[in-house]
PDB file of N, CA and C in Angstrom:
ATOM      1  N   MET A   1       7.668  41.190  46.503  1.00  0.00           N
ATOM      2  CA  MET A   1       7.058  40.069  47.177  1.00  0.00           C
ATOM      3  C   MET A   1       7.433  38.781  46.455  1.00  0.00           C
ATOM      4  N   LYS A   2       7.950  37.798  47.191  1.00  0.00           N
ATOM      5  CA  LYS A   2       8.375  36.538  46.604  1.00  0.00           C
ATOM      6  C   LYS A   2       7.181  35.626  46.360  1.00  0.00           C
ATOM      7  N   LYS A   3       7.255  34.891  45.247  1.00  0.00           N
ATOM      8  CA  LYS A   3       6.228  33.891  44.975  1.00  0.00           C
ATOM      9  C   LYS A   3       6.593  32.619  45.722  1.00  0.00           C
ATOM     10  N   LYS A   4       5.567  31.923  46.213  1.00  0.00           N
ATOM     11  CA  LYS A   4       5.811  30.644  46.856  1.00  0.00           C
ATOM     12  C   LYS A   4       6.066  29.596  45.783  1.00  0.00           C
ATOM     13  N   LYS A   5       7.037  28.732  46.038  1.00  0.00           N
ATOM     14  CA  LYS A   5       7.297  27.641  45.112  1.00  0.00           C
ATOM     15  C   LYS A   5       6.212  26.596  45.281  1.00  0.00           C
ATOM     16  N   GLN A   6       5.748  26.071  44.150  1.00  0.00           N
ATOM     17  CA  GLN A   6       4.717  25.050  44.200  1.00  0.00           C
ATOM     18  C   GLN A   6       5.382  23.712  44.505  1.00  0.00           C
ATOM     19  N   VAL A   7       4.959  23.078  45.588  1.00  0.00           N
ATOM     20  CA  VAL A   7       5.524  21.805  46.002  1.00  0.00           C
ATOM     21  C   VAL A   7       4.447  20.745  45.846  1.00  0.00           C
ATOM     22  N   PHE A   8       4.782  19.655  45.150  1.00  0.00           N
ATOM     23  CA  PHE A   8       3.846  18.578  44.925  1.00  0.00           C
ATOM     24  C   PHE A   8       3.986  17.570  46.051  1.00  0.00           C
ATOM     25  N   SER A   9       2.901  17.370  46.800  1.00  0.00           N
ATOM     26  CA  SER A   9       2.963  16.508  47.970  1.00  0.00           C
ATOM     27  C   SER A   9       2.691  15.050  47.634  1.00  0.00           C
ATOM     28  N   ALA A  10       2.058  14.780  46.481  1.00  0.00           N
ATOM     29  CA  ALA A  10       1.743  13.403  46.120  1.00  0.00           C
ATOM     30  C   ALA A  10       3.014  12.652  45.742  1.00  0.00           C
ATOM     31  N   LYS A  11       3.095  11.407  46.141  1.00  0.00           N
ATOM     32  CA  LYS A  11       4.257  10.581  45.815  1.00  0.00           C
ATOM     33  C   LYS A  11       4.146  10.132  44.358  1.00  0.00           C
ATOM     34  N   PRO A  12       5.182  10.355  43.552  1.00  0.00           N
ATOM     35  CA  PRO A  12       5.093   9.994  42.133  1.00  0.00           C
ATOM     36  C   PRO A  12       4.995   8.482  41.939  1.00  0.00           C
ATOM     37  N   GLN A  13       4.145   8.058  40.994  1.00  0.00           N
ATOM     38  CA  GLN A  13       3.960   6.644  40.695  1.00  0.00           C
ATOM     39  C   GLN A  13       5.048   6.144  39.750  1.00  0.00           C
ATOM     40  N   ILE A  14       5.722   7.067  39.072  1.00  0.00           N
ATOM     41  CA  ILE A  14       6.768   6.712  38.121  1.00  0.00           C
ATOM     42  C   ILE A  14       8.114   6.780  38.828  1.00  0.00           C
ATOM     43  N   LYS A  15       8.940   5.774  38.579  1.00  0.00           N
ATOM     44  CA  LYS A  15      10.242   5.715  39.235  1.00  0.00           C
ATOM     45  C   LYS A  15      11.358   5.668  38.203  1.00  0.00           C
ATOM     46  N   LYS A  16      12.571   5.932  38.644  1.00  0.00           N
ATOM     47  CA  LYS A  16      13.756   5.904  37.782  1.00  0.00           C
ATOM     48  C   LYS A  16      13.903   4.509  37.162  1.00  0.00           C
ATOM     49  N   GLY A  17      14.129   4.476  35.854  1.00  0.00           N
ATOM     50  CA  GLY A  17      14.301   3.207  35.153  1.00  0.00           C
ATOM     51  C   GLY A  17      13.035   2.673  34.512  1.00  0.00           C
ATOM     52  N   ASP A  18      11.863   3.230  34.847  1.00  0.00           N
ATOM     53  CA  ASP A  18      10.597   2.795  34.253  1.00  0.00           C
ATOM     54  C   ASP A  18      10.516   3.214  32.794  1.00  0.00           C
ATOM     55  N   MET A  19       9.796   2.437  31.995  1.00  0.00           N
ATOM     56  CA  MET A  19       9.479   2.824  30.626  1.00  0.00           C
ATOM     57  C   MET A  19       8.155   3.578  30.673  1.00  0.00           C
ATOM     58  N   VAL A  20       8.126   4.772  30.076  1.00  0.00           N
ATOM     59  CA  VAL A  20       6.926   5.600  30.111  1.00  0.00           C
ATOM     60  C   VAL A  20       6.531   6.022  28.700  1.00  0.00           C
ATOM     61  N   GLU A  21       5.264   6.390  28.551  1.00  0.00           N
ATOM     62  CA  GLU A  21       4.711   6.886  27.299  1.00  0.00           C
ATOM     63  C   GLU A  21       4.255   8.319  27.525  1.00  0.00           C
ATOM     64  N   VAL A  22       4.504   9.196  26.562  1.00  0.00           N
ATOM     65  CA  VAL A  22       4.105  10.597  26.670  1.00  0.00           C
ATOM     66  C   VAL A  22       2.681  10.733  26.141  1.00  0.00           C
ATOM     67  N   LEU A  23       1.817  11.403  26.913  1.00  0.00           N
ATOM     68  CA  LEU A  23       0.411  11.548  26.556  1.00  0.00           C
ATOM     69  C   LEU A  23       0.120  12.824  25.774  1.00  0.00           C
ATOM     70  N   ALA A  24       0.868  13.895  26.026  1.00  0.00           N
ATOM     71  CA  ALA A  24       0.562  15.182  25.401  1.00  0.00           C
ATOM     72  C   ALA A  24       1.844  15.913  25.045  1.00  0.00           C
ATOM     73  N   GLY A  25       1.728  16.842  24.103  1.00  0.00           N
ATOM     74  CA  GLY A  25       2.874  17.658  23.720  1.00  0.00           C
ATOM     75  C   GLY A  25       3.469  17.222  22.393  1.00  0.00           C
ATOM     76  N   ASP A  26       4.632  17.776  22.073  1.00  0.00           N
ATOM     77  CA  ASP A  26       5.301  17.469  20.802  1.00  0.00           C
ATOM     78  C   ASP A  26       5.725  16.007  20.709  1.00  0.00           C
ATOM     79  N   ASP A  27       6.041  15.381  21.830  1.00  0.00           N
ATOM     80  CA  ASP A  27       6.507  13.996  21.848  1.00  0.00           C
ATOM     81  C   ASP A  27       5.397  13.008  22.184  1.00  0.00           C
ATOM     82  N   ALA A  28       4.144  13.376  21.980  1.00  0.00           N
ATOM     83  CA  ALA A  28       3.007  12.516  22.320  1.00  0.00           C
ATOM     84  C   ALA A  28       3.097  11.194  21.564  1.00  0.00           C
ATOM     85  N   GLY A  29       2.872  10.098  22.291  1.00  0.00           N
ATOM     86  CA  GLY A  29       2.902   8.771  21.696  1.00  0.00           C
ATOM     87  C   GLY A  29       4.262   8.102  21.741  1.00  0.00           C
ATOM     88  N   LYS A  30       5.313   8.834  22.039  1.00  0.00           N
ATOM     89  CA  LYS A  30       6.658   8.265  22.090  1.00  0.00           C
ATOM     90  C   LYS A  30       6.904   7.646  23.465  1.00  0.00           C
ATOM     91  N   THR A  31       7.809   6.678  23.512  1.00  0.00           N
ATOM     92  CA  THR A  31       8.156   6.035  24.771  1.00  0.00           C
ATOM     93  C   THR A  31       9.639   6.218  25.051  1.00  0.00           C
ATOM     94  N   GLY A  32      10.000   6.131  26.312  1.00  0.00           N
ATOM     95  CA  GLY A  32      11.398   6.276  26.710  1.00  0.00           C
ATOM     96  C   GLY A  32      11.604   5.822  28.140  1.00  0.00           C
ATOM     97  N   LYS A  33      12.866   5.750  28.539  1.00  0.00           N
ATOM     98  CA  LYS A  33      13.250   5.311  29.877  1.00  0.00           C
ATOM     99  C   LYS A  33      13.459   6.532  30.768  1.00  0.00           C
ATOM    100  N   VAL A  34      12.937   6.484  31.997  1.00  0.00           N
ATOM    101  CA  VAL A  34      13.070   7.587  32.944  1.00  0.00           C
ATOM    102  C   VAL A  34      14.493   7.613  33.487  1.00  0.00           C
ATOM    103  N   LEU A  35      15.172   8.756  33.315  1.00  0.00           N
ATOM    104  CA  LEU A  35      16.533   8.927  33.820  1.00  0.00           C
ATOM    105  C   LEU A  35      16.541   9.502  35.226  1.00  0.00           C
ATOM    106  N   GLN A  36      15.574  10.402  35.515  1.00  0.00           N
ATOM    107  CA  GLN A  36      15.538  11.077  36.819  1.00  0.00           C
ATOM    108  C   GLN A  36      14.113  11.538  37.089  1.00  0.00           C
ATOM    109  N   VAL A  37      13.685  11.428  38.340  1.00  0.00           N
ATOM    110  CA  VAL A  37      12.381  11.946  38.769  1.00  0.00           C
ATOM    111  C   VAL A  37      12.635  13.092  39.732  1.00  0.00           C
ATOM    112  N   ILE A  38      11.915  14.209  39.524  1.00  0.00           N
ATOM    113  CA  ILE A  38      12.051  15.395  40.370  1.00  0.00           C
ATOM    114  C   ILE A  38      10.705  15.615  41.066  1.00  0.00           C
ATOM    115  N   PRO A  39      10.483  14.995  42.246  1.00  0.00           N
ATOM    116  CA  PRO A  39       9.177  15.080  42.895  1.00  0.00           C
ATOM    117  C   PRO A  39       8.797  16.492  43.336  1.00  0.00           C
ATOM    118  N   GLN A  40       9.796  17.335  43.682  1.00  0.00           N
ATOM    119  CA  GLN A  40       9.492  18.698  44.121  1.00  0.00           C
ATOM    120  C   GLN A  40       8.843  19.506  42.997  1.00  0.00           C
ATOM    121  N   LYS A  41       9.240  19.263  41.757  1.00  0.00           N
ATOM    122  CA  LYS A  41       8.692  19.969  40.605  1.00  0.00           C
ATOM    123  C   LYS A  41       7.541  19.214  39.961  1.00  0.00           C
ATOM    124  N   GLY A  42       7.351  17.953  40.326  1.00  0.00           N
ATOM    125  CA  GLY A  42       6.338  17.138  39.669  1.00  0.00           C
ATOM    126  C   GLY A  42       6.727  16.846  38.234  1.00  0.00           C
ATOM    127  N   ALA A  43       8.006  16.538  38.010  1.00  0.00           N
ATOM    128  CA  ALA A  43       8.519  16.340  36.665  1.00  0.00           C
ATOM    129  C   ALA A  43       9.492  15.164  36.626  1.00  0.00           C
ATOM    130  N   ALA A  44       9.775  14.714  35.389  1.00  0.00           N
ATOM    131  CA  ALA A  44      10.736  13.638  35.181  1.00  0.00           C
ATOM    132  C   ALA A  44      11.508  13.903  33.901  1.00  0.00           C
ATOM    133  N   ILE A  45      12.758  13.430  33.864  1.00  0.00           N
ATOM    134  CA  ILE A  45      13.577  13.530  32.663  1.00  0.00           C
ATOM    135  C   ILE A  45      13.563  12.163  31.998  1.00  0.00           C
ATOM    136  N   VAL A  46      13.153  12.144  30.709  1.00  0.00           N
ATOM    137  CA  VAL A  46      13.011  10.898  29.967  1.00  0.00           C
ATOM    138  C   VAL A  46      14.047  10.863  28.852  1.00  0.00           C
ATOM    139  N   GLU A  47      14.706   9.726  28.700  1.00  0.00           N
ATOM    140  CA  GLU A  47      15.781   9.563  27.732  1.00  0.00           C
ATOM    141  C   GLU A  47      15.271   9.753  26.299  1.00  0.00           C
ATOM    142  N   GLY A  48      15.876  10.710  25.580  1.00  0.00           N
ATOM    143  CA  GLY A  48      15.569  10.927  24.173  1.00  0.00           C
ATOM    144  C   GLY A  48      14.303  11.726  23.892  1.00  0.00           C
ATOM    145  N   LEU A  49      13.633  12.230  24.920  1.00  0.00           N
ATOM    146  CA  LEU A  49      12.393  12.987  24.723  1.00  0.00           C
ATOM    147  C   LEU A  49      12.528  14.399  25.265  1.00  0.00           C
ATOM    148  N   ASN A  50      11.759  15.331  24.706  1.00  0.00           N
ATOM    149  CA  ASN A  50      11.736  16.734  25.103  1.00  0.00           C
ATOM    150  C   ASN A  50      13.148  17.333  25.021  1.00  0.00           C
ATOM    151  N   ILE A  51      13.761  17.190  23.857  1.00  0.00           N
ATOM    152  CA  ILE A  51      15.123  17.663  23.620  1.00  0.00           C
ATOM    153  C   ILE A  51      15.129  19.181  23.453  1.00  0.00           C
ATOM    154  N   ILE A  52      16.034  19.849  24.171  1.00  0.00           N
ATOM    155  CA  ILE A  52      16.204  21.295  24.033  1.00  0.00           C
ATOM    156  C   ILE A  52      17.627  21.580  23.589  1.00  0.00           C
ATOM    157  N   ARG A  53      17.834  22.751  23.001  1.00  0.00           N
ATOM    158  CA  ARG A  53      19.169  23.182  22.607  1.00  0.00           C
ATOM    159  C   ARG A  53      19.591  24.277  23.572  1.00  0.00           C
ATOM    160  N   LYS A  54      20.743  24.083  24.206  1.00  0.00           N
ATOM    161  CA  LYS A  54      21.209  25.008  25.230  1.00  0.00           C
ATOM    162  C   LYS A  54      22.571  25.564  24.819  1.00  0.00           C
ATOM    163  N   CYS A  55      22.727  26.870  24.915  1.00  0.00           N
ATOM    164  CA  CYS A  55      24.006  27.513  24.624  1.00  0.00           C
ATOM    165  C   CYS A  55      24.926  27.345  25.829  1.00  0.00           C
ATOM    166  N   VAL A  56      26.143  26.849  25.579  1.00  0.00           N
ATOM    167  CA  VAL A  56      27.089  26.563  26.658  1.00  0.00           C
ATOM    168  C   VAL A  56      28.308  27.460  26.496  1.00  0.00           C
ATOM    169  N   ARG A  57      28.696  28.097  27.583  1.00  0.00           N
ATOM    170  CA  ARG A  57      29.871  28.975  27.605  1.00  0.00           C
ATOM    171  C   ARG A  57      31.150  28.137  27.586  1.00  0.00           C
ATOM    172  N   LYS A  58      32.212  28.702  27.057  1.00  0.00           N
ATOM    173  CA  LYS A  58      33.499  28.015  27.057  1.00  0.00           C
ATOM    174  C   LYS A  58      34.014  27.879  28.487  1.00  0.00           C
ATOM    175  N   THR A  59      34.451  26.667  28.844  1.00  0.00           N
ATOM    176  CA  THR A  59      35.044  26.414  30.154  1.00  0.00           C
ATOM    177  C   THR A  59      36.234  25.479  29.972  1.00  0.00           C
ATOM    178  N   GLN A  60      36.903  25.153  31.065  1.00  0.00           N
ATOM    179  CA  GLN A  60      38.003  24.193  30.981  1.00  0.00           C
ATOM    180  C   GLN A  60      37.491  22.803  30.626  1.00  0.00           C
ATOM    181  N   ASP A  61      36.310  22.455  31.153  1.00  0.00           N
ATOM    182  CA  ASP A  61      35.719  21.152  30.843  1.00  0.00           C
ATOM    183  C   ASP A  61      35.252  21.089  29.395  1.00  0.00           C
ATOM    184  N   ASN A  62      34.741  22.216  28.874  1.00  0.00           N
ATOM    185  CA  ASN A  62      34.210  22.276  27.516  1.00  0.00           C
ATOM    186  C   ASN A  62      34.865  23.449  26.783  1.00  0.00           C
ATOM    187  N   PRO A  63      36.098  23.291  26.310  1.00  0.00           N
ATOM    188  CA  PRO A  63      36.810  24.421  25.701  1.00  0.00           C
ATOM    189  C   PRO A  63      36.185  24.909  24.395  1.00  0.00           C
ATOM    190  N   GLN A  64      35.411  24.056  23.749  1.00  0.00           N
ATOM    191  CA  GLN A  64      34.774  24.431  22.488  1.00  0.00           C
ATOM    192  C   GLN A  64      33.586  25.371  22.724  1.00  0.00           C
ATOM    193  N   GLY A  65      32.775  25.099  23.762  1.00  0.00           N
ATOM    194  CA  GLY A  65      31.554  25.871  23.975  1.00  0.00           C
ATOM    195  C   GLY A  65      30.533  25.487  22.930  1.00  0.00           C
ATOM    196  N   GLY A  66      29.589  26.375  22.617  1.00  0.00           N
ATOM    197  CA  GLY A  66      28.635  26.131  21.536  1.00  0.00           C
ATOM    198  C   GLY A  66      27.270  25.720  22.031  1.00  0.00           C
ATOM    199  N   ILE A  67      26.544  25.025  21.150  1.00  0.00           N
ATOM    200  CA  ILE A  67      25.164  24.628  21.425  1.00  0.00           C
ATOM    201  C   ILE A  67      25.119  23.131  21.715  1.00  0.00           C
ATOM    202  N   VAL A  68      24.481  22.773  22.832  1.00  0.00           N
ATOM    203  CA  VAL A  68      24.386  21.382  23.267  1.00  0.00           C
ATOM    204  C   VAL A  68      22.919  20.987  23.315  1.00  0.00           C
ATOM    205  N   GLU A  69      22.606  19.782  22.828  1.00  0.00           N
ATOM    206  CA  GLU A  69      21.238  19.264  22.924  1.00  0.00           C
ATOM    207  C   GLU A  69      21.160  18.348  24.134  1.00  0.00           C
ATOM    208  N   ARG A  70      20.092  18.521  24.938  1.00  0.00           N
ATOM    209  CA  ARG A  70      19.899  17.687  26.121  1.00  0.00           C
ATOM    210  C   ARG A  70      18.423  17.559  26.441  1.00  0.00           C
ATOM    211  N   GLU A  71      18.094  16.601  27.318  1.00  0.00           N
ATOM    212  CA  GLU A  71      16.705  16.371  27.696  1.00  0.00           C
ATOM    213  C   GLU A  71      16.262  17.377  28.753  1.00  0.00           C
ATOM    214  N   ALA A  72      15.034  17.853  28.624  1.00  0.00           N
ATOM    215  CA  ALA A  72      14.442  18.757  29.609  1.00  0.00           C
ATOM    216  C   ALA A  72      13.360  17.985  30.374  1.00  0.00           C
ATOM    217  N   PRO A  73      13.028  18.418  31.589  1.00  0.00           N
ATOM    218  CA  PRO A  73      11.998  17.715  32.363  1.00  0.00           C
ATOM    219  C   PRO A  73      10.614  17.789  31.710  1.00  0.00           C
ATOM    220  N   LEU A  74       9.862  16.714  31.864  1.00  0.00           N
ATOM    221  CA  LEU A  74       8.465  16.630  31.421  1.00  0.00           C
ATOM    222  C   LEU A  74       7.586  16.519  32.659  1.00  0.00           C
ATOM    223  N   ALA A  75       6.415  17.143  32.628  1.00  0.00           N
ATOM    224  CA  ALA A  75       5.487  17.059  33.756  1.00  0.00           C
ATOM    225  C   ALA A  75       5.017  15.614  33.930  1.00  0.00           C
ATOM    226  N   LEU A  76       4.915  15.172  35.185  1.00  0.00           N
ATOM    227  CA  LEU A  76       4.463  13.806  35.469  1.00  0.00           C
ATOM    228  C   LEU A  76       3.033  13.570  34.986  1.00  0.00           C
ATOM    229  N   SER A  77       2.239  14.634  34.911  1.00  0.00           N
ATOM    230  CA  SER A  77       0.860  14.491  34.453  1.00  0.00           C
ATOM    231  C   SER A  77       0.784  14.141  32.973  1.00  0.00           C
ATOM    232  N   LYS A  78       1.872  14.374  32.225  1.00  0.00           N
ATOM    233  CA  LYS A  78       1.909  14.056  30.797  1.00  0.00           C
ATOM    234  C   LYS A  78       2.473  12.670  30.521  1.00  0.00           C
ATOM    235  N   LEU A  79       2.835  11.929  31.575  1.00  0.00           N
ATOM    236  CA  LEU A  79       3.461  10.617  31.421  1.00  0.00           C
ATOM    237  C   LEU A  79       2.588   9.527  32.014  1.00  0.00           C
ATOM    238  N   ARG A  80       2.702   8.336  31.421  1.00  0.00           N
ATOM    239  CA  ARG A  80       2.092   7.156  32.035  1.00  0.00           C
ATOM    240  C   ARG A  80       3.012   5.977  31.776  1.00  0.00           C
ATOM    241  N   ALA A  81       2.920   4.978  32.627  1.00  0.00           N
ATOM    242  CA  ALA A  81       3.757   3.798  32.480  1.00  0.00           C
ATOM    243  C   ALA A  81       3.404   3.113  31.170  1.00  0.00           C
ATOM    244  N   ALA A  82       4.419   2.772  30.379  1.00  0.00           N
ATOM    245  CA  ALA A  82       4.200   2.121  29.087  1.00  0.00           C
ATOM    246  C   ALA A  82       3.800   0.671  29.321  1.00  0.00           C
ATOM    247  N   LYS A  83       2.870   0.200  28.513  1.00  0.00           N
ATOM    248  CA  LYS A  83       2.425  -1.189  28.614  1.00  0.00           C
ATOM    249  C   LYS A  83       3.422  -2.072  27.884  1.00  0.00           C
ATOM    250  N   SER A  84       3.639  -3.269  28.421  1.00  0.00           N
ATOM    251  CA  SER A  84       4.568  -4.196  27.768  1.00  0.00           C
ATOM    252  C   SER A  84       3.895  -4.827  26.560  1.00  0.00           C
ATOM    253  N   ALA A  85       4.657  -5.424  25.685  1.00  0.00           N
ATOM    254  CA  ALA A  85       4.138  -6.012  24.448  1.00  0.00           C
ATOM    255  C   ALA A  85       3.141  -7.132  24.742  1.00  0.00           C
ATOM    256  N   GLY A  86       3.378  -7.912  25.793  1.00  0.00           N
ATOM    257  CA  GLY A  86       2.472  -9.006  26.150  1.00  0.00           C
ATOM    258  C   GLY A  86       1.090  -8.514  26.543  1.00  0.00           C
ATOM    259  N   LYS A  87       1.033  -7.415  27.280  1.00  0.00           N
ATOM    260  CA  LYS A  87      -0.251  -6.871  27.707  1.00  0.00           C
ATOM    261  C   LYS A  87      -1.022  -6.310  26.520  1.00  0.00           C
ATOM    262  N   LYS A  88      -0.322  -5.673  25.570  1.00  0.00           N
ATOM    263  CA  LYS A  88      -0.994  -5.104  24.392  1.00  0.00           C
ATOM    264  C   LYS A  88      -1.629  -6.215  23.564  1.00  0.00           C
ATOM    265  N   ALA A  89      -0.927  -7.329  23.395  1.00  0.00           N
ATOM    266  CA  ALA A  89      -1.447  -8.445  22.616  1.00  0.00           C
ATOM    267  C   ALA A  89      -2.678  -9.048  23.288  1.00  0.00           C
ATOM    268  N   ALA A  90      -2.651  -9.139  24.610  1.00  0.00           N
ATOM    269  CA  ALA A  90      -3.780  -9.694  25.354  1.00  0.00           C
ATOM    270  C   ALA A  90      -5.013  -8.786  25.245  1.00  0.00           C
ATOM    271  N   GLU A  91      -4.800  -7.464  25.222  1.00  0.00           N
ATOM    272  CA  GLU A  91      -5.922  -6.537  25.106  1.00  0.00           C
ATOM    273  C   GLU A  91      -6.565  -6.620  23.723  1.00  0.00           C
ATOM    274  N   LYS A  92      -5.772  -6.812  22.684  1.00  0.00           N
ATOM    275  CA  LYS A  92      -6.314  -6.906  21.328  1.00  0.00           C
ATOM    276  C   LYS A  92      -7.180  -8.146  21.157  1.00  0.00           C
ATOM    277  N   LYS A  93      -6.828  -9.256  21.824  1.00  0.00           N
ATOM    278  CA  LYS A  93      -7.582 -10.510  21.703  1.00  0.00           C
ATOM    279  C   LYS A  93      -8.972 -10.378  22.301  1.00  0.00           C
ATOM    280  N   LYS A  94      -9.132  -9.548  23.330  1.00  0.00           N
ATOM    281  CA  LYS A  94     -10.427  -9.415  23.996  1.00  0.00           C
ATOM    282  C   LYS A  94     -11.363  -8.706  23.125  1.00  0.00           C
TER     283      LYS A  94
END
């Protein structure tokens, strides 16, 4: 019996190119730029965060093969839009 794929119907508030902050996980508190949003999975790929090591087979494009580090998707629920420096300063004054 096949499992149904979970499809997220809500429209993501985060878009490609946005600066986001990670709320939970190993990269909590870090910020980065969104490279890709995957609405079907409810995930996003953020530049420099959630790095995984992947074994790559030898091919014509990559004759060396070996281990490659790359970004893995992060759940949208773990991300929020990063506040700009001006907004942070204004909040501290209050």
